[in-house]
Amino acid sequence: GGDFSLGDYLLWNEIPTIIGNIVGGLTFVGLTVYATHARTGPSR
């Protein structure tokens, strides 16, 4: 009995959340760890 629609759920939650989840996981975890620990830059 929640006062919202399926369209509200998709547009105002699920779709933007998925995009945010992709950006957050890749940017702050996956690519960060990969760049500095799997493909470590040459030492000075």
PDB file of all heavy atoms in Angstrom:
ATOM      1  N   GLY A   1       0.773  -1.237   0.000  1.00  0.00           N
ATOM      2  CA  GLY A   1       0.000   0.000   0.000  1.00  0.00           C
ATOM      3  C   GLY A   1       0.798   1.279   0.000  1.00  0.00           C
ATOM      4  O   GLY A   1       0.256   2.350   0.325  1.00  0.00           O
ATOM      5  N   GLY A   2       2.068   1.222  -0.363  1.00  0.00           N
ATOM      6  CA  GLY A   2       2.877   2.428  -0.445  1.00  0.00           C
ATOM      7  C   GLY A   2       2.331   3.382  -1.502  1.00  0.00           C
ATOM      8  O   GLY A   2       1.853   2.948  -2.557  1.00  0.00           O
ATOM      9  N   ASP A   3       2.385   4.689  -1.209  1.00  0.00           N
ATOM     10  CA  ASP A   3       1.789   5.685  -2.098  1.00  0.00           C
ATOM     11  C   ASP A   3       2.806   6.147  -3.146  1.00  0.00           C
ATOM     12  O   ASP A   3       3.250   7.298  -3.150  1.00  0.00           O
ATOM     13  CB  ASP A   3       1.289   6.875  -1.276  1.00  0.00           C
ATOM     14  CG  ASP A   3       0.452   7.834  -2.114  1.00  0.00           C
ATOM     15  OD1 ASP A   3       0.017   7.426  -3.206  1.00  0.00           O
ATOM     16  OD2 ASP A   3       0.262   8.984  -1.679  1.00  0.00           O
ATOM     17  N   PHE A   4       3.175   5.237  -4.030  1.00  0.00           N
ATOM     18  CA  PHE A   4       4.052   5.556  -5.159  1.00  0.00           C
ATOM     19  C   PHE A   4       3.787   4.511  -6.237  1.00  0.00           C
ATOM     20  O   PHE A   4       3.160   3.484  -5.972  1.00  0.00           O
ATOM     21  CB  PHE A   4       5.529   5.562  -4.739  1.00  0.00           C
ATOM     22  CG  PHE A   4       6.052   4.221  -4.271  1.00  0.00           C
ATOM     23  CD1 PHE A   4       6.780   3.398  -5.115  1.00  0.00           C
ATOM     24  CD2 PHE A   4       5.813   3.785  -2.973  1.00  0.00           C
ATOM     25  CE1 PHE A   4       7.261   2.175  -4.695  1.00  0.00           C
ATOM     26  CE2 PHE A   4       6.286   2.546  -2.536  1.00  0.00           C
ATOM     27  CZ  PHE A   4       7.008   1.744  -3.392  1.00  0.00           C
ATOM     28  N   SER A   5       4.262   4.776  -7.444  1.00  0.00           N
ATOM     29  CA  SER A   5       3.964   3.885  -8.570  1.00  0.00           C
ATOM     30  C   SER A   5       5.213   3.129  -9.021  1.00  0.00           C
ATOM     31  O   SER A   5       6.327   3.447  -8.595  1.00  0.00           O
ATOM     32  CB  SER A   5       3.424   4.704  -9.746  1.00  0.00           C
ATOM     33  OG  SER A   5       4.458   5.547 -10.271  1.00  0.00           O
ATOM     34  N   LEU A   6       5.000   2.174  -9.904  1.00  0.00           N
ATOM     35  CA  LEU A   6       6.123   1.445 -10.483  1.00  0.00           C
ATOM     36  C   LEU A   6       7.035   2.395 -11.252  1.00  0.00           C
ATOM     37  O   LEU A   6       8.263   2.290 -11.187  1.00  0.00           O
ATOM     38  CB  LEU A   6       5.602   0.339 -11.416  1.00  0.00           C
ATOM     39  CG  LEU A   6       6.657  -0.497 -12.147  1.00  0.00           C
ATOM     40  CD1 LEU A   6       7.562  -1.225 -11.161  1.00  0.00           C
ATOM     41  CD2 LEU A   6       5.992  -1.496 -13.094  1.00  0.00           C
ATOM     42  N   GLY A   7       6.430   3.355 -11.954  1.00  0.00           N
ATOM     43  CA  GLY A   7       7.220   4.346 -12.677  1.00  0.00           C
ATOM     44  C   GLY A   7       8.064   5.191 -11.732  1.00  0.00           C
ATOM     45  O   GLY A   7       9.221   5.513 -12.040  1.00  0.00           O
ATOM     46  N   ASP A   8       7.482   5.573 -10.580  1.00  0.00           N
ATOM     47  CA  ASP A   8       8.250   6.318  -9.572  1.00  0.00           C
ATOM     48  C   ASP A   8       9.467   5.515  -9.127  1.00  0.00           C
ATOM     49  O   ASP A   8      10.565   6.056  -9.003  1.00  0.00           O
ATOM     50  CB  ASP A   8       7.376   6.614  -8.349  1.00  0.00           C
ATOM     51  CG  ASP A   8       6.273   7.611  -8.637  1.00  0.00           C
ATOM     52  OD1 ASP A   8       6.464   8.468  -9.520  1.00  0.00           O
ATOM     53  OD2 ASP A   8       5.213   7.515  -7.976  1.00  0.00           O
ATOM     54  N   TYR A   9       9.234   4.239  -8.881  1.00  0.00           N
ATOM     55  CA  TYR A   9      10.320   3.366  -8.422  1.00  0.00           C
ATOM     56  C   TYR A   9      11.450   3.295  -9.443  1.00  0.00           C
ATOM     57  O   TYR A   9      12.629   3.431  -9.096  1.00  0.00           O
ATOM     58  CB  TYR A   9       9.766   1.970  -8.133  1.00  0.00           C
ATOM     59  CG  TYR A   9      10.783   0.861  -8.117  1.00  0.00           C
ATOM     60  CD1 TYR A   9      11.920   0.932  -7.301  1.00  0.00           C
ATOM     61  CD2 TYR A   9      10.620  -0.266  -8.922  1.00  0.00           C
ATOM     62  CE1 TYR A   9      12.861  -0.089  -7.288  1.00  0.00           C
ATOM     63  CE2 TYR A   9      11.559  -1.292  -8.910  1.00  0.00           C
ATOM     64  CZ  TYR A   9      12.670  -1.193  -8.097  1.00  0.00           C
ATOM     65  OH  TYR A   9      13.605  -2.209  -8.093  1.00  0.00           O
ATOM     66  N   LEU A  10      11.085   3.099 -10.726  1.00  0.00           N
ATOM     67  CA  LEU A  10      12.122   2.960 -11.756  1.00  0.00           C
ATOM     68  C   LEU A  10      12.848   4.272 -12.022  1.00  0.00           C
ATOM     69  O   LEU A  10      14.083   4.314 -12.078  1.00  0.00           O
ATOM     70  CB  LEU A  10      11.492   2.432 -13.047  1.00  0.00           C
ATOM     71  CG  LEU A  10      10.937   1.006 -12.986  1.00  0.00           C
ATOM     72  CD1 LEU A  10      10.233   0.650 -14.290  1.00  0.00           C
ATOM     73  CD2 LEU A  10      12.038  -0.009 -12.693  1.00  0.00           C
ATOM     74  N   LEU A  11      12.080   5.360 -12.188  1.00  0.00           N
ATOM     75  CA  LEU A  11      12.682   6.644 -12.557  1.00  0.00           C
ATOM     76  C   LEU A  11      13.358   7.330 -11.385  1.00  0.00           C
ATOM     77  O   LEU A  11      14.458   7.884 -11.527  1.00  0.00           O
ATOM     78  CB  LEU A  11      11.615   7.564 -13.146  1.00  0.00           C
ATOM     79  CG  LEU A  11      12.088   8.969 -13.545  1.00  0.00           C
ATOM     80  CD1 LEU A  11      13.179   8.881 -14.627  1.00  0.00           C
ATOM     81  CD2 LEU A  11      10.917   9.812 -14.033  1.00  0.00           C
ATOM     82  N   TRP A  12      12.716   7.266 -10.215  1.00  0.00           N
ATOM     83  CA  TRP A  12      13.221   8.013  -9.067  1.00  0.00           C
ATOM     84  C   TRP A  12      13.919   7.138  -8.043  1.00  0.00           C
ATOM     85  O   TRP A  12      14.067   7.539  -6.901  1.00  0.00           O
ATOM     86  CB  TRP A  12      12.093   8.807  -8.421  1.00  0.00           C
ATOM     87  CG  TRP A  12      11.727   9.985  -9.256  1.00  0.00           C
ATOM     88  CD1 TRP A  12      10.665  10.087 -10.107  1.00  0.00           C
ATOM     89  CD2 TRP A  12      12.446  11.217  -9.365  1.00  0.00           C
ATOM     90  NE1 TRP A  12      10.672  11.307 -10.739  1.00  0.00           N
ATOM     91  CE2 TRP A  12      11.753  12.028 -10.291  1.00  0.00           C
ATOM     92  CE3 TRP A  12      13.598  11.719  -8.761  1.00  0.00           C
ATOM     93  CZ2 TRP A  12      12.187  13.301 -10.631  1.00  0.00           C
ATOM     94  CZ3 TRP A  12      14.029  12.987  -9.093  1.00  0.00           C
ATOM     95  CH2 TRP A  12      13.332  13.772 -10.015  1.00  0.00           C
ATOM     96  N   ASN A  13      14.324   5.942  -8.468  1.00  0.00           N
ATOM     97  CA  ASN A  13      15.186   5.158  -7.587  1.00  0.00           C
ATOM     98  C   ASN A  13      16.052   4.162  -8.338  1.00  0.00           C
ATOM     99  O   ASN A  13      17.261   4.332  -8.408  1.00  0.00           O
ATOM    100  CB  ASN A  13      14.401   4.457  -6.472  1.00  0.00           C
ATOM    101  CG  ASN A  13      15.348   3.993  -5.385  1.00  0.00           C
ATOM    102  OD1 ASN A  13      16.050   3.014  -5.558  1.00  0.00           O
ATOM    103  ND2 ASN A  13      15.405   4.713  -4.277  1.00  0.00           N
ATOM    104  N   GLU A  14      15.441   3.117  -8.902  1.00  0.00           N
ATOM    105  CA  GLU A  14      16.244   1.996  -9.379  1.00  0.00           C
ATOM    106  C   GLU A  14      17.244   2.378 -10.476  1.00  0.00           C
ATOM    107  O   GLU A  14      18.424   2.020 -10.400  1.00  0.00           O
ATOM    108  CB  GLU A  14      15.332   0.867  -9.880  1.00  0.00           C
ATOM    109  CG  GLU A  14      16.072  -0.449 -10.116  1.00  0.00           C
ATOM    110  CD  GLU A  14      16.656  -1.058  -8.853  1.00  0.00           C
ATOM    111  OE1 GLU A  14      15.996  -1.014  -7.788  1.00  0.00           O
ATOM    112  OE2 GLU A  14      17.793  -1.564  -8.908  1.00  0.00           O
ATOM    113  N   ILE A  15      16.812   3.083 -11.497  1.00  0.00           N
ATOM    114  CA  ILE A  15      17.710   3.399 -12.615  1.00  0.00           C
ATOM    115  C   ILE A  15      18.850   4.327 -12.185  1.00  0.00           C
ATOM    116  O   ILE A  15      20.029   4.032 -12.437  1.00  0.00           O
ATOM    117  CB  ILE A  15      16.919   3.976 -13.806  1.00  0.00           C
ATOM    118  CG1 ILE A  15      15.981   2.909 -14.379  1.00  0.00           C
ATOM    119  CG2 ILE A  15      17.871   4.491 -14.886  1.00  0.00           C
ATOM    120  CD1 ILE A  15      15.022   3.408 -15.443  1.00  0.00           C
ATOM    121  N   PRO A  16      18.571   5.455 -11.512  1.00  0.00           N
ATOM    122  CA  PRO A  16      19.685   6.295 -11.049  1.00  0.00           C
ATOM    123  C   PRO A  16      20.585   5.582 -10.035  1.00  0.00           C
ATOM    124  O   PRO A  16      21.804   5.805 -10.016  1.00  0.00           O
ATOM    125  CB  PRO A  16      18.986   7.495 -10.399  1.00  0.00           C
ATOM    126  CG  PRO A  16      17.620   7.508 -10.997  1.00  0.00           C
ATOM    127  CD  PRO A  16      17.274   6.083 -11.245  1.00  0.00           C
ATOM    128  N   THR A  17      19.985   4.711  -9.223  1.00  0.00           N
ATOM    129  CA  THR A  17      20.785   3.971  -8.242  1.00  0.00           C
ATOM    130  C   THR A  17      21.760   3.029  -8.931  1.00  0.00           C
ATOM    131  O   THR A  17      22.933   2.927  -8.544  1.00  0.00           O
ATOM    132  CB  THR A  17      19.863   3.182  -7.294  1.00  0.00           C
ATOM    133  OG1 THR A  17      19.082   4.094  -6.524  1.00  0.00           O
ATOM    134  CG2 THR A  17      20.681   2.312  -6.341  1.00  0.00           C
ATOM    135  N   ILE A  18      21.293   2.332  -9.966  1.00  0.00           N
ATOM    136  CA  ILE A  18      22.169   1.432 -10.702  1.00  0.00           C
ATOM    137  C   ILE A  18      23.339   2.196 -11.310  1.00  0.00           C
ATOM    138  O   ILE A  18      24.503   1.772 -11.213  1.00  0.00           O
ATOM    139  CB  ILE A  18      21.386   0.690 -11.806  1.00  0.00           C
ATOM    140  CG1 ILE A  18      20.438  -0.337 -11.194  1.00  0.00           C
ATOM    141  CG2 ILE A  18      22.342  -0.003 -12.783  1.00  0.00           C
ATOM    142  CD1 ILE A  18      19.473  -0.938 -12.185  1.00  0.00           C
ATOM    143  N   ILE A  19      23.050   3.339 -11.923  1.00  0.00           N
ATOM    144  CA  ILE A  19      24.122   4.142 -12.520  1.00  0.00           C
ATOM    145  C   ILE A  19      25.114   4.588 -11.447  1.00  0.00           C
ATOM    146  O   ILE A  19      26.336   4.507 -11.620  1.00  0.00           O
ATOM    147  CB  ILE A  19      23.531   5.348 -13.274  1.00  0.00           C
ATOM    148  CG1 ILE A  19      22.659   4.868 -14.434  1.00  0.00           C
ATOM    149  CG2 ILE A  19      24.650   6.255 -13.790  1.00  0.00           C
ATOM    150  CD1 ILE A  19      21.841   5.970 -15.088  1.00  0.00           C
ATOM    151  N   GLY A  20      24.590   5.041 -10.321  1.00  0.00           N
ATOM    152  CA  GLY A  20      25.461   5.444  -9.222  1.00  0.00           C
ATOM    153  C   GLY A  20      26.278   4.292  -8.679  1.00  0.00           C
ATOM    154  O   GLY A  20      27.467   4.448  -8.368  1.00  0.00           O
ATOM    155  N   ASN A  21      25.661   3.121  -8.566  1.00  0.00           N
ATOM    156  CA  ASN A  21      26.386   1.936  -8.093  1.00  0.00           C
ATOM    157  C   ASN A  21      27.540   1.570  -9.026  1.00  0.00           C
ATOM    158  O   ASN A  21      28.625   1.200  -8.567  1.00  0.00           O
ATOM    159  CB  ASN A  21      25.425   0.743  -7.964  1.00  0.00           C
ATOM    160  CG  ASN A  21      24.479   0.819  -6.787  1.00  0.00           C
ATOM    161  OD1 ASN A  21      23.561   0.020  -6.675  1.00  0.00           O
ATOM    162  ND2 ASN A  21      24.666   1.790  -5.898  1.00  0.00           N
ATOM    163  N   ILE A  22      27.305   1.660 -10.341  1.00  0.00           N
ATOM    164  CA  ILE A  22      28.367   1.362 -11.303  1.00  0.00           C
ATOM    165  C   ILE A  22      29.523   2.346 -11.130  1.00  0.00           C
ATOM    166  O   ILE A  22      30.695   1.950 -11.025  1.00  0.00           O
ATOM    167  CB  ILE A  22      27.837   1.421 -12.748  1.00  0.00           C
ATOM    168  CG1 ILE A  22      26.834   0.285 -13.005  1.00  0.00           C
ATOM    169  CG2 ILE A  22      28.991   1.337 -13.749  1.00  0.00           C
ATOM    170  CD1 ILE A  22      26.107   0.394 -14.339  1.00  0.00           C
ATOM    171  N   VAL A  23      29.201   3.625 -11.071  1.00  0.00           N
ATOM    172  CA  VAL A  23      30.239   4.652 -10.937  1.00  0.00           C
ATOM    173  C   VAL A  23      31.001   4.497  -9.622  1.00  0.00           C
ATOM    174  O   VAL A  23      32.237   4.552  -9.590  1.00  0.00           O
ATOM    175  CB  VAL A  23      29.614   6.059 -11.039  1.00  0.00           C
ATOM    176  CG1 VAL A  23      30.649   7.137 -10.713  1.00  0.00           C
ATOM    177  CG2 VAL A  23      29.036   6.287 -12.429  1.00  0.00           C
ATOM    178  N   GLY A  24      30.283   4.286  -8.535  1.00  0.00           N
ATOM    179  CA  GLY A  24      30.932   4.182  -7.231  1.00  0.00           C
ATOM    180  C   GLY A  24      31.846   2.986  -7.115  1.00  0.00           C
ATOM    181  O   GLY A  24      32.993   3.097  -6.645  1.00  0.00           O
ATOM    182  N   GLY A  25      31.371   1.819  -7.535  1.00  0.00           N
ATOM    183  CA  GLY A  25      32.179   0.607  -7.429  1.00  0.00           C
ATOM    184  C   GLY A  25      33.412   0.647  -8.298  1.00  0.00           C
ATOM    185  O   GLY A  25      34.507   0.271  -7.877  1.00  0.00           O
ATOM    186  N   LEU A  26      33.240   1.122  -9.534  1.00  0.00           N
ATOM    187  CA  LEU A  26      34.372   1.174 -10.463  1.00  0.00           C
ATOM    188  C   LEU A  26      35.377   2.264 -10.094  1.00  0.00           C
ATOM    189  O   LEU A  26      36.582   2.029 -10.048  1.00  0.00           O
ATOM    190  CB  LEU A  26      33.865   1.413 -11.880  1.00  0.00           C
ATOM    191  CG  LEU A  26      33.603   0.176 -12.742  1.00  0.00           C
ATOM    192  CD1 LEU A  26      33.051   0.594 -14.089  1.00  0.00           C
ATOM    193  CD2 LEU A  26      34.858  -0.647 -12.921  1.00  0.00           C
ATOM    194  N   THR A  27      34.871   3.454  -9.824  1.00  0.00           N
ATOM    195  CA  THR A  27      35.755   4.603  -9.616  1.00  0.00           C
ATOM    196  C   THR A  27      36.538   4.511  -8.315  1.00  0.00           C
ATOM    197  O   THR A  27      37.757   4.708  -8.294  1.00  0.00           O
ATOM    198  CB  THR A  27      34.936   5.908  -9.616  1.00  0.00           C
ATOM    199  OG1 THR A  27      34.214   6.002 -10.843  1.00  0.00           O
ATOM    200  CG2 THR A  27      35.842   7.114  -9.467  1.00  0.00           C
ATOM    201  N   PHE A  28      35.844   4.217  -7.225  1.00  0.00           N
ATOM    202  CA  PHE A  28      36.472   4.298  -5.919  1.00  0.00           C
ATOM    203  C   PHE A  28      37.046   2.978  -5.408  1.00  0.00           C
ATOM    204  O   PHE A  28      37.740   2.963  -4.392  1.00  0.00           O
ATOM    205  CB  PHE A  28      35.483   4.859  -4.895  1.00  0.00           C
ATOM    206  CG  PHE A  28      35.120   6.291  -5.146  1.00  0.00           C
ATOM    207  CD1 PHE A  28      33.899   6.628  -5.707  1.00  0.00           C
ATOM    208  CD2 PHE A  28      36.007   7.305  -4.845  1.00  0.00           C
ATOM    209  CE1 PHE A  28      33.569   7.953  -5.962  1.00  0.00           C
ATOM    210  CE2 PHE A  28      35.689   8.635  -5.084  1.00  0.00           C
ATOM    211  CZ  PHE A  28      34.467   8.958  -5.647  1.00  0.00           C
ATOM    212  N   VAL A  29      36.747   1.883  -6.102  1.00  0.00           N
ATOM    213  CA  VAL A  29      37.260   0.587  -5.638  1.00  0.00           C
ATOM    214  C   VAL A  29      37.994  -0.150  -6.755  1.00  0.00           C
ATOM    215  O   VAL A  29      39.212  -0.334  -6.697  1.00  0.00           O
ATOM    216  CB  VAL A  29      36.130  -0.307  -5.069  1.00  0.00           C
ATOM    217  CG1 VAL A  29      36.704  -1.614  -4.522  1.00  0.00           C
ATOM    218  CG2 VAL A  29      35.367   0.423  -3.977  1.00  0.00           C
ATOM    219  N   GLY A  30      37.274  -0.574  -7.785  1.00  0.00           N
ATOM    220  CA  GLY A  30      37.866  -1.417  -8.817  1.00  0.00           C
ATOM    221  C   GLY A  30      39.050  -0.787  -9.521  1.00  0.00           C
ATOM    222  O   GLY A  30      40.167  -1.316  -9.498  1.00  0.00           O
ATOM    223  N   LEU A  31      38.824   0.351 -10.167  1.00  0.00           N
ATOM    224  CA  LEU A  31      39.892   0.986 -10.935  1.00  0.00           C
ATOM    225  C   LEU A  31      41.002   1.517 -10.040  1.00  0.00           C
ATOM    226  O   LEU A  31      42.174   1.522 -10.420  1.00  0.00           O
ATOM    227  CB  LEU A  31      39.318   2.113 -11.792  1.00  0.00           C
ATOM    228  CG  LEU A  31      38.366   1.671 -12.907  1.00  0.00           C
ATOM    229  CD1 LEU A  31      37.828   2.882 -13.655  1.00  0.00           C
ATOM    230  CD2 LEU A  31      39.055   0.720 -13.875  1.00  0.00           C
ATOM    231  N   THR A  32      40.640   1.962  -8.849  1.00  0.00           N
ATOM    232  CA  THR A  32      41.649   2.479  -7.921  1.00  0.00           C
ATOM    233  C   THR A  32      42.621   1.384  -7.504  1.00  0.00           C
ATOM    234  O   THR A  32      43.848   1.558  -7.565  1.00  0.00           O
ATOM    235  CB  THR A  32      40.965   3.079  -6.682  1.00  0.00           C
ATOM    236  OG1 THR A  32      40.014   4.057  -7.092  1.00  0.00           O
ATOM    237  CG2 THR A  32      41.986   3.726  -5.759  1.00  0.00           C
ATOM    238  N   VAL A  33      42.072   0.254  -7.064  1.00  0.00           N
ATOM    239  CA  VAL A  33      42.925  -0.857  -6.648  1.00  0.00           C
ATOM    240  C   VAL A  33      43.726  -1.386  -7.832  1.00  0.00           C
ATOM    241  O   VAL A  33      44.925  -1.664  -7.724  1.00  0.00           O
ATOM    242  CB  VAL A  33      42.085  -1.984  -6.005  1.00  0.00           C
ATOM    243  CG1 VAL A  33      42.947  -3.202  -5.719  1.00  0.00           C
ATOM    244  CG2 VAL A  33      41.438  -1.490  -4.712  1.00  0.00           C
ATOM    245  N   TYR A  34      43.072  -1.504  -8.975  1.00  0.00           N
ATOM    246  CA  TYR A  34      43.744  -2.026 -10.169  1.00  0.00           C
ATOM    247  C   TYR A  34      44.918  -1.133 -10.571  1.00  0.00           C
ATOM    248  O   TYR A  34      46.021  -1.612 -10.864  1.00  0.00           O
ATOM    249  CB  TYR A  34      42.743  -2.120 -11.317  1.00  0.00           C
ATOM    250  CG  TYR A  34      43.328  -2.674 -12.601  1.00  0.00           C
ATOM    251  CD1 TYR A  34      43.409  -4.052 -12.812  1.00  0.00           C
ATOM    252  CD2 TYR A  34      43.785  -1.822 -13.607  1.00  0.00           C
ATOM    253  CE1 TYR A  34      43.942  -4.566 -13.985  1.00  0.00           C
ATOM    254  CE2 TYR A  34      44.317  -2.334 -14.780  1.00  0.00           C
ATOM    255  CZ  TYR A  34      44.397  -3.704 -14.967  1.00  0.00           C
ATOM    256  OH  TYR A  34      44.935  -4.200 -16.122  1.00  0.00           O
ATOM    257  N   ALA A  35      44.672   0.175 -10.589  1.00  0.00           N
ATOM    258  CA  ALA A  35      45.692   1.109 -11.074  1.00  0.00           C
ATOM    259  C   ALA A  35      46.928   1.138 -10.189  1.00  0.00           C
ATOM    260  O   ALA A  35      48.059   1.225 -10.688  1.00  0.00           O
ATOM    261  CB  ALA A  35      45.103   2.514 -11.184  1.00  0.00           C
ATOM    262  N   THR A  36      46.730   1.051  -8.865  1.00  0.00           N
ATOM    263  CA  THR A  36      47.873   1.238  -7.981  1.00  0.00           C
ATOM    264  C   THR A  36      48.474  -0.054  -7.443  1.00  0.00           C
ATOM    265  O   THR A  36      49.627  -0.053  -7.007  1.00  0.00           O
ATOM    266  CB  THR A  36      47.492   2.159  -6.802  1.00  0.00           C
ATOM    267  OG1 THR A  36      48.688   2.546  -6.106  1.00  0.00           O
ATOM    268  CG2 THR A  36      46.571   1.458  -5.826  1.00  0.00           C
ATOM    269  N   HIS A  37      47.713  -1.159  -7.488  1.00  0.00           N
ATOM    270  CA  HIS A  37      48.240  -2.415  -6.953  1.00  0.00           C
ATOM    271  C   HIS A  37      48.456  -3.494  -8.016  1.00  0.00           C
ATOM    272  O   HIS A  37      49.381  -4.289  -7.909  1.00  0.00           O
ATOM    273  CB  HIS A  37      47.322  -2.952  -5.853  1.00  0.00           C
ATOM    274  CG  HIS A  37      47.321  -2.107  -4.618  1.00  0.00           C
ATOM    275  ND1 HIS A  37      48.475  -1.777  -3.954  1.00  0.00           N
ATOM    276  CD2 HIS A  37      46.309  -1.512  -3.936  1.00  0.00           C
ATOM    277  CE1 HIS A  37      48.176  -1.020  -2.902  1.00  0.00           C
ATOM    278  NE2 HIS A  37      46.873  -0.837  -2.871  1.00  0.00           N
ATOM    279  N   ALA A  38      47.598  -3.534  -9.041  1.00  0.00           N
ATOM    280  CA  ALA A  38      47.794  -4.516 -10.113  1.00  0.00           C
ATOM    281  C   ALA A  38      48.710  -3.971 -11.201  1.00  0.00           C
ATOM    282  O   ALA A  38      49.457  -4.716 -11.836  1.00  0.00           O
ATOM    283  CB  ALA A  38      46.451  -4.918 -10.713  1.00  0.00           C
ATOM    284  N   ARG A  39      48.623  -2.660 -11.456  1.00  0.00           N
ATOM    285  CA  ARG A  39      49.467  -2.021 -12.467  1.00  0.00           C
ATOM    286  C   ARG A  39      50.232  -0.865 -11.814  1.00  0.00           C
ATOM    287  O   ARG A  39      50.100   0.287 -12.192  1.00  0.00           O
ATOM    288  CB  ARG A  39      48.595  -1.514 -13.619  1.00  0.00           C
ATOM    289  CG  ARG A  39      47.984  -2.634 -14.443  1.00  0.00           C
ATOM    290  CD  ARG A  39      49.046  -3.415 -15.215  1.00  0.00           C
ATOM    291  NE  ARG A  39      48.474  -4.561 -15.917  1.00  0.00           N
ATOM    292  CZ  ARG A  39      48.412  -5.784 -15.421  1.00  0.00           C
ATOM    293  NH1 ARG A  39      48.878  -6.032 -14.200  1.00  0.00           N
ATOM    294  NH2 ARG A  39      47.892  -6.771 -16.112  1.00  0.00           N
ATOM    295  N   THR A  40      51.026  -1.222 -10.817  1.00  0.00           N
ATOM    296  CA  THR A  40      51.757  -0.220 -10.045  1.00  0.00           C
ATOM    297  C   THR A  40      52.722   0.565 -10.930  1.00  0.00           C
ATOM    298  O   THR A  40      53.410   0.000 -11.777  1.00  0.00           O
ATOM    299  CB  THR A  40      52.557  -0.909  -8.919  1.00  0.00           C
ATOM    300  OG1 THR A  40      51.657  -1.740  -8.176  1.00  0.00           O
ATOM    301  CG2 THR A  40      53.211   0.101  -7.993  1.00  0.00           C
ATOM    302  N   GLY A  41      52.754   1.870 -10.737  1.00  0.00           N
ATOM    303  CA  GLY A  41      53.654   2.716 -11.511  1.00  0.00           C
ATOM    304  C   GLY A  41      55.109   2.467 -11.145  1.00  0.00           C
ATOM    305  O   GLY A  41      55.412   1.962 -10.057  1.00  0.00           O
ATOM    306  N   PRO A  42      56.038   2.805 -12.042  1.00  0.00           N
ATOM    307  CA  PRO A  42      57.465   2.594 -11.750  1.00  0.00           C
ATOM    308  C   PRO A  42      57.922   3.454 -10.578  1.00  0.00           C
ATOM    309  O   PRO A  42      57.473   4.590 -10.410  1.00  0.00           O
ATOM    310  CB  PRO A  42      58.155   3.033 -13.058  1.00  0.00           C
ATOM    311  CG  PRO A  42      57.179   3.948 -13.729  1.00  0.00           C
ATOM    312  CD  PRO A  42      55.822   3.443 -13.357  1.00  0.00           C
ATOM    313  N   SER A  43      58.817   2.898  -9.768  1.00  0.00           N
ATOM    314  CA  SER A  43      59.335   3.634  -8.616  1.00  0.00           C
ATOM    315  C   SER A  43      60.226   4.781  -9.085  1.00  0.00           C
ATOM    316  O   SER A  43      60.883   4.697 -10.133  1.00  0.00           O
ATOM    317  CB  SER A  43      60.137   2.698  -7.698  1.00  0.00           C
ATOM    318  OG  SER A  43      59.328   1.647  -7.232  1.00  0.00           O
ATOM    319  N   ARG A  44      60.252   5.827  -8.335  1.00  0.00           N
ATOM    320  CA  ARG A  44      61.124   6.958  -8.650  1.00  0.00           C
ATOM    321  C   ARG A  44      62.578   6.573  -8.362  1.00  0.00           C
ATOM    322  O   ARG A  44      62.863   5.809  -7.437  1.00  0.00           O
ATOM    323  CB  ARG A  44      60.746   8.167  -7.800  1.00  0.00           C
ATOM    324  CG  ARG A  44      59.347   8.686  -8.063  1.00  0.00           C
ATOM    325  CD  ARG A  44      59.016   9.840  -7.154  1.00  0.00           C
ATOM    326  NE  ARG A  44      59.942  10.952  -7.351  1.00  0.00           N
ATOM    327  CZ  ARG A  44      60.073  11.952  -6.480  1.00  0.00           C
ATOM    328  NH1 ARG A  44      59.372  11.949  -5.352  1.00  0.00           N
ATOM    329  NH2 ARG A  44      60.917  12.941  -6.733  1.00  0.00           N
TER     330      ARG A  44
END
